[in-house]
Amino acid sequence: MKYHKVLKVLGVGNFVLVASEGEFVGKPSAFFNRFRVANGKIAEHWDTIETIAPRAEWKNANSKF
C-alpha cells in the first residue's frame, strides 16, 4: 500500500475523514479512512479501498473524487 496524495481531510465533531489516492497491490486506488477521536487519540478506525479504473473505462469526466 502506497499513498501518493491526500486529497481531502474533513472533520465533524470527533470524526475525521481522509480521502487519498495511491496504489494497492500495484493498482491505482482510492483510500477513504474514517477516524473517531477520543481524549486526543484515535479511538476507532474504518477504511475502504477501491481500485480506480483506467481513464478509458470511465463513464464520465469526473474522477473518483
PDB file of N, CA and C in Angstrom:
ATOM      1  N   MET A   1       0.842  -1.160   0.000  1.00  0.00           N
ATOM      2  CA  MET A   1       0.000   0.000   0.000  1.00  0.00           C
ATOM      3  C   MET A   1       0.893   1.231   0.000  1.00  0.00           C
ATOM      4  N   LYS A   2       0.653   2.117  -0.972  1.00  0.00           N
ATOM      5  CA  LYS A   2       1.407   3.372  -1.054  1.00  0.00           C
ATOM      6  C   LYS A   2       0.423   4.526  -1.191  1.00  0.00           C
ATOM      7  N   TYR A   3       0.625   5.543  -0.390  1.00  0.00           N
ATOM      8  CA  TYR A   3      -0.161   6.763  -0.510  1.00  0.00           C
ATOM      9  C   TYR A   3       0.635   7.753  -1.355  1.00  0.00           C
ATOM     10  N   HIS A   4      -0.011   8.335  -2.384  1.00  0.00           N
ATOM     11  CA  HIS A   4       0.641   9.326  -3.237  1.00  0.00           C
ATOM     12  C   HIS A   4       0.169  10.737  -2.926  1.00  0.00           C
ATOM     13  N   LYS A   5      -1.134  10.874  -2.614  1.00  0.00           N
ATOM     14  CA  LYS A   5      -1.691  12.212  -2.467  1.00  0.00           C
ATOM     15  C   LYS A   5      -2.875  12.185  -1.505  1.00  0.00           C
ATOM     16  N   VAL A   6      -2.859  13.080  -0.516  1.00  0.00           N
ATOM     17  CA  VAL A   6      -4.024  13.290   0.346  1.00  0.00           C
ATOM     18  C   VAL A   6      -4.871  14.363  -0.332  1.00  0.00           C
ATOM     19  N   LEU A   7      -6.123  14.037  -0.632  1.00  0.00           N
ATOM     20  CA  LEU A   7      -6.980  14.943  -1.389  1.00  0.00           C
ATOM     21  C   LEU A   7      -7.890  15.788  -0.503  1.00  0.00           C
ATOM     22  N   LYS A   8      -8.432  15.197   0.549  1.00  0.00           N
ATOM     23  CA  LYS A   8      -9.336  15.929   1.436  1.00  0.00           C
ATOM     24  C   LYS A   8      -9.209  15.401   2.851  1.00  0.00           C
ATOM     25  N   VAL A   9      -9.328  16.319   3.798  1.00  0.00           N
ATOM     26  CA  VAL A   9      -9.424  15.970   5.210  1.00  0.00           C
ATOM     27  C   VAL A   9     -10.621  16.735   5.744  1.00  0.00           C
ATOM     28  N   LEU A  10     -11.620  16.014   6.219  1.00  0.00           N
ATOM     29  CA  LEU A  10     -12.843  16.630   6.728  1.00  0.00           C
ATOM     30  C   LEU A  10     -13.050  16.207   8.171  1.00  0.00           C
ATOM     31  N   GLY A  11     -13.377  17.146   9.028  1.00  0.00           N
ATOM     32  CA  GLY A  11     -13.630  16.833  10.426  1.00  0.00           C
ATOM     33  C   GLY A  11     -14.962  17.391  10.879  1.00  0.00           C
ATOM     34  N   VAL A  12     -15.732  16.566  11.581  1.00  0.00           N
ATOM     35  CA  VAL A  12     -17.005  16.994  12.173  1.00  0.00           C
ATOM     36  C   VAL A  12     -17.089  16.346  13.543  1.00  0.00           C
ATOM     37  N   GLY A  13     -17.194  17.195  14.570  1.00  0.00           N
ATOM     38  CA  GLY A  13     -17.239  16.651  15.928  1.00  0.00           C
ATOM     39  C   GLY A  13     -15.987  15.859  16.229  1.00  0.00           C
ATOM     40  N   ASN A  14     -16.159  14.618  16.645  1.00  0.00           N
ATOM     41  CA  ASN A  14     -14.990  13.791  16.959  1.00  0.00           C
ATOM     42  C   ASN A  14     -14.678  12.780  15.847  1.00  0.00           C
ATOM     43  N   PHE A  15     -15.181  13.049  14.617  1.00  0.00           N
ATOM     44  CA  PHE A  15     -14.898  12.188  13.469  1.00  0.00           C
ATOM     45  C   PHE A  15     -14.076  12.932  12.427  1.00  0.00           C
ATOM     46  N   VAL A  16     -13.159  12.216  11.780  1.00  0.00           N
ATOM     47  CA  VAL A  16     -12.322  12.773  10.715  1.00  0.00           C
ATOM     48  C   VAL A  16     -12.348  11.799   9.543  1.00  0.00           C
ATOM     49  N   LEU A  17     -12.529  12.324   8.321  1.00  0.00           N
ATOM     50  CA  LEU A  17     -12.474  11.530   7.104  1.00  0.00           C
ATOM     51  C   LEU A  17     -11.301  12.014   6.265  1.00  0.00           C
ATOM     52  N   VAL A  18     -10.479  11.088   5.787  1.00  0.00           N
ATOM     53  CA  VAL A  18      -9.344  11.415   4.924  1.00  0.00           C
ATOM     54  C   VAL A  18      -9.525  10.655   3.608  1.00  0.00           C
ATOM     55  N   ALA A  19      -9.569  11.396   2.493  1.00  0.00           N
ATOM     56  CA  ALA A  19      -9.667  10.807   1.158  1.00  0.00           C
ATOM     57  C   ALA A  19      -8.296  10.940   0.490  1.00  0.00           C
ATOM     58  N   SER A  20      -7.764   9.822   0.004  1.00  0.00           N
ATOM     59  CA  SER A  20      -6.414   9.798  -0.563  1.00  0.00           C
ATOM     60  C   SER A  20      -6.370   8.959  -1.831  1.00  0.00           C
ATOM     61  N   GLU A  21      -5.304   9.159  -2.609  1.00  0.00           N
ATOM     62  CA  GLU A  21      -5.025   8.352  -3.792  1.00  0.00           C
ATOM     63  C   GLU A  21      -3.686   7.664  -3.613  1.00  0.00           C
ATOM     64  N   GLY A  22      -3.550   6.506  -4.236  1.00  0.00           N
ATOM     65  CA  GLY A  22      -2.273   5.805  -4.181  1.00  0.00           C
ATOM     66  C   GLY A  22      -2.346   4.493  -4.922  1.00  0.00           C
ATOM     67  N   GLU A  23      -1.621   3.513  -4.422  1.00  0.00           N
ATOM     68  CA  GLU A  23      -1.581   2.184  -5.032  1.00  0.00           C
ATOM     69  C   GLU A  23      -1.817   1.124  -3.976  1.00  0.00           C
ATOM     70  N   PHE A  24      -2.574   0.095  -4.366  1.00  0.00           N
ATOM     71  CA  PHE A  24      -2.759  -1.071  -3.510  1.00  0.00           C
ATOM     72  C   PHE A  24      -2.562  -2.292  -4.392  1.00  0.00           C
ATOM     73  N   VAL A  25      -1.634  -3.128  -4.056  1.00  0.00           N
ATOM     74  CA  VAL A  25      -1.256  -4.310  -4.841  1.00  0.00           C
ATOM     75  C   VAL A  25      -0.927  -3.902  -6.279  1.00  0.00           C
ATOM     76  N   GLY A  26      -0.235  -2.758  -6.420  1.00  0.00           N
ATOM     77  CA  GLY A  26       0.218  -2.296  -7.723  1.00  0.00           C
ATOM     78  C   GLY A  26      -0.847  -1.649  -8.595  1.00  0.00           C
ATOM     79  N   LYS A  27      -2.078  -1.489  -8.088  1.00  0.00           N
ATOM     80  CA  LYS A  27      -3.163  -0.889  -8.876  1.00  0.00           C
ATOM     81  C   LYS A  27      -3.509   0.495  -8.318  1.00  0.00           C
ATOM     82  N   PRO A  28      -3.825   1.460  -9.203  1.00  0.00           N
ATOM     83  CA  PRO A  28      -4.250   2.774  -8.724  1.00  0.00           C
ATOM     84  C   PRO A  28      -5.491   2.618  -7.854  1.00  0.00           C
ATOM     85  N   SER A  29      -5.484   3.247  -6.683  1.00  0.00           N
ATOM     86  CA  SER A  29      -6.571   3.037  -5.730  1.00  0.00           C
ATOM     87  C   SER A  29      -6.966   4.314  -5.016  1.00  0.00           C
ATOM     88  N   ALA A  30      -8.223   4.333  -4.577  1.00  0.00           N
ATOM     89  CA  ALA A  30      -8.749   5.403  -3.742  1.00  0.00           C
ATOM     90  C   ALA A  30      -8.848   4.854  -2.320  1.00  0.00           C
ATOM     91  N   PHE A  31      -8.403   5.646  -1.356  1.00  0.00           N
ATOM     92  CA  PHE A  31      -8.451   5.250   0.050  1.00  0.00           C
ATOM     93  C   PHE A  31      -9.347   6.233   0.804  1.00  0.00           C
ATOM     94  N   PHE A  32     -10.253   5.698   1.580  1.00  0.00           N
ATOM     95  CA  PHE A  32     -11.095   6.518   2.448  1.00  0.00           C
ATOM     96  C   PHE A  32     -10.909   5.997   3.865  1.00  0.00           C
ATOM     97  N   ASN A  33     -10.366   6.825   4.745  1.00  0.00           N
ATOM     98  CA  ASN A  33     -10.127   6.449   6.137  1.00  0.00           C
ATOM     99  C   ASN A  33     -10.965   7.338   7.041  1.00  0.00           C
ATOM    100  N   ARG A  34     -11.699   6.719   7.958  1.00  0.00           N
ATOM    101  CA  ARG A  34     -12.513   7.457   8.917  1.00  0.00           C
ATOM    102  C   ARG A  34     -12.009   7.124  10.312  1.00  0.00           C
ATOM    103  N   PHE A  35     -11.851   8.167  11.112  1.00  0.00           N
ATOM    104  CA  PHE A  35     -11.341   8.015  12.469  1.00  0.00           C
ATOM    105  C   PHE A  35     -12.317   8.618  13.465  1.00  0.00           C
ATOM    106  N   ARG A  36     -12.424   7.985  14.619  1.00  0.00           N
ATOM    107  CA  ARG A  36     -13.116   8.595  15.755  1.00  0.00           C
ATOM    108  C   ARG A  36     -12.045   8.927  16.779  1.00  0.00           C
ATOM    109  N   VAL A  37     -12.039  10.172  17.230  1.00  0.00           N
ATOM    110  CA  VAL A  37     -11.031  10.649  18.166  1.00  0.00           C
ATOM    111  C   VAL A  37     -11.664  10.807  19.548  1.00  0.00           C
ATOM    112  N   ALA A  38     -10.960  10.341  20.562  1.00  0.00           N
ATOM    113  CA  ALA A  38     -11.404  10.496  21.953  1.00  0.00           C
ATOM    114  C   ALA A  38     -10.185  10.804  22.811  1.00  0.00           C
ATOM    115  N   ASN A  39     -10.282  11.805  23.646  1.00  0.00           N
ATOM    116  CA  ASN A  39      -9.181  12.200  24.536  1.00  0.00           C
ATOM    117  C   ASN A  39      -7.889  12.490  23.768  1.00  0.00           C
ATOM    118  N   GLY A  40      -8.036  13.089  22.559  1.00  0.00           N
ATOM    119  CA  GLY A  40      -6.869  13.475  21.775  1.00  0.00           C
ATOM    120  C   GLY A  40      -6.158  12.332  21.061  1.00  0.00           C
ATOM    121  N   LYS A  41      -6.776  11.133  21.053  1.00  0.00           N
ATOM    122  CA  LYS A  41      -6.161   9.973  20.397  1.00  0.00           C
ATOM    123  C   LYS A  41      -7.178   9.286  19.500  1.00  0.00           C
ATOM    124  N   ILE A  42      -6.680   8.532  18.522  1.00  0.00           N
ATOM    125  CA  ILE A  42      -7.569   7.753  17.662  1.00  0.00           C
ATOM    126  C   ILE A  42      -8.146   6.611  18.482  1.00  0.00           C
ATOM    127  N   ALA A  43      -9.482   6.587  18.578  1.00  0.00           N
ATOM    128  CA  ALA A  43     -10.158   5.546  19.347  1.00  0.00           C
ATOM    129  C   ALA A  43     -10.662   4.422  18.436  1.00  0.00           C
ATOM    130  N   GLU A  44     -11.077   4.784  17.207  1.00  0.00           N
ATOM    131  CA  GLU A  44     -11.548   3.791  16.238  1.00  0.00           C
ATOM    132  C   GLU A  44     -11.125   4.214  14.841  1.00  0.00           C
ATOM    133  N   HIS A  45     -11.036   3.219  13.940  1.00  0.00           N
ATOM    134  CA  HIS A  45     -10.633   3.484  12.551  1.00  0.00           C
ATOM    135  C   HIS A  45     -11.396   2.536  11.635  1.00  0.00           C
ATOM    136  N   TRP A  46     -11.910   3.095  10.539  1.00  0.00           N
ATOM    137  CA  TRP A  46     -12.547   2.315   9.486  1.00  0.00           C
ATOM    138  C   TRP A  46     -11.914   2.738   8.176  1.00  0.00           C
ATOM    139  N   ASP A  47     -11.836   1.817   7.212  1.00  0.00           N
ATOM    140  CA  ASP A  47     -11.292   2.214   5.915  1.00  0.00           C
ATOM    141  C   ASP A  47     -11.971   1.474   4.776  1.00  0.00           C
ATOM    142  N   THR A  48     -11.883   2.076   3.603  1.00  0.00           N
ATOM    143  CA  THR A  48     -12.374   1.492   2.359  1.00  0.00           C
ATOM    144  C   THR A  48     -11.309   1.733   1.308  1.00  0.00           C
ATOM    145  N   ILE A  49     -11.028   0.705   0.513  1.00  0.00           N
ATOM    146  CA  ILE A  49     -10.068   0.816  -0.580  1.00  0.00           C
ATOM    147  C   ILE A  49     -10.797   0.401  -1.852  1.00  0.00           C
ATOM    148  N   GLU A  50     -10.706   1.232  -2.891  1.00  0.00           N
ATOM    149  CA  GLU A  50     -11.370   0.917  -4.146  1.00  0.00           C
ATOM    150  C   GLU A  50     -10.413   1.170  -5.302  1.00  0.00           C
ATOM    151  N   THR A  51     -10.312   0.213  -6.213  1.00  0.00           N
ATOM    152  CA  THR A  51      -9.464   0.354  -7.398  1.00  0.00           C
ATOM    153  C   THR A  51     -10.032   1.432  -8.309  1.00  0.00           C
ATOM    154  N   ILE A  52      -9.171   2.278  -8.834  1.00  0.00           N
ATOM    155  CA  ILE A  52      -9.575   3.309  -9.784  1.00  0.00           C
ATOM    156  C   ILE A  52      -9.393   2.736 -11.183  1.00  0.00           C
ATOM    157  N   ALA A  53     -10.481   2.694 -11.943  1.00  0.00           N
ATOM    158  CA  ALA A  53     -10.441   2.143 -13.307  1.00  0.00           C
ATOM    159  C   ALA A  53      -9.582   3.037 -14.207  1.00  0.00           C
ATOM    160  N   PRO A  54      -9.004   2.456 -15.270  1.00  0.00           N
ATOM    161  CA  PRO A  54      -8.267   3.275 -16.235  1.00  0.00           C
ATOM    162  C   PRO A  54      -9.191   4.342 -16.825  1.00  0.00           C
ATOM    163  N   ARG A  55      -8.647   5.504 -17.119  1.00  0.00           N
ATOM    164  CA  ARG A  55      -9.446   6.640 -17.622  1.00  0.00           C
ATOM    165  C   ARG A  55     -10.304   6.241 -18.832  1.00  0.00           C
ATOM    166  N   ALA A  56      -9.818   5.378 -19.696  1.00  0.00           N
ATOM    167  CA  ALA A  56     -10.574   4.952 -20.879  1.00  0.00           C
ATOM    168  C   ALA A  56     -11.874   4.233 -20.512  1.00  0.00           C
ATOM    169  N   GLU A  57     -11.962   3.709 -19.296  1.00  0.00           N
ATOM    170  CA  GLU A  57     -13.162   2.986 -18.856  1.00  0.00           C
ATOM    171  C   GLU A  57     -14.130   3.859 -18.056  1.00  0.00           C
ATOM    172  N   TRP A  58     -13.774   5.106 -17.788  1.00  0.00           N
ATOM    173  CA  TRP A  58     -14.663   5.994 -17.023  1.00  0.00           C
ATOM    174  C   TRP A  58     -15.922   6.260 -17.816  1.00  0.00           C
ATOM    175  N   LYS A  59     -17.057   6.364 -17.134  1.00  0.00           N
ATOM    176  CA  LYS A  59     -18.342   6.638 -17.769  1.00  0.00           C
ATOM    177  C   LYS A  59     -18.605   8.143 -17.904  1.00  0.00           C
ATOM    178  N   ASN A  60     -17.772   8.965 -17.236  1.00  0.00           N
ATOM    179  CA  ASN A  60     -17.882  10.418 -17.325  1.00  0.00           C
ATOM    180  C   ASN A  60     -16.505  11.025 -17.083  1.00  0.00           C
ATOM    181  N   ALA A  61     -16.422  12.351 -17.101  1.00  0.00           N
ATOM    182  CA  ALA A  61     -15.135  13.025 -16.953  1.00  0.00           C
ATOM    183  C   ALA A  61     -14.751  13.251 -15.498  1.00  0.00           C
ATOM    184  N   ASN A  62     -15.607  12.853 -14.563  1.00  0.00           N
ATOM    185  CA  ASN A  62     -15.313  13.013 -13.137  1.00  0.00           C
ATOM    186  C   ASN A  62     -14.307  11.977 -12.678  1.00  0.00           C
ATOM    187  N   SER A  63     -13.545  12.316 -11.685  1.00  0.00           N
ATOM    188  CA  SER A  63     -12.631  11.333 -11.104  1.00  0.00           C
ATOM    189  C   SER A  63     -13.353  10.617  -9.960  1.00  0.00           C
ATOM    190  N   LYS A  64     -12.673   9.776  -9.264  1.00  0.00           N
ATOM    191  CA  LYS A  64     -13.232   9.100  -8.088  1.00  0.00           C
ATOM    192  C   LYS A  64     -13.577  10.111  -6.996  1.00  0.00           C
ATOM    193  N   PHE A  65     -12.968  11.299  -7.089  1.00  0.00           N
ATOM    194  CA  PHE A  65     -13.156  12.307  -6.050  1.00  0.00           C
ATOM    195  C   PHE A  65     -13.901  13.491  -6.583  1.00  0.00           C
TER     196      PHE A  65
END
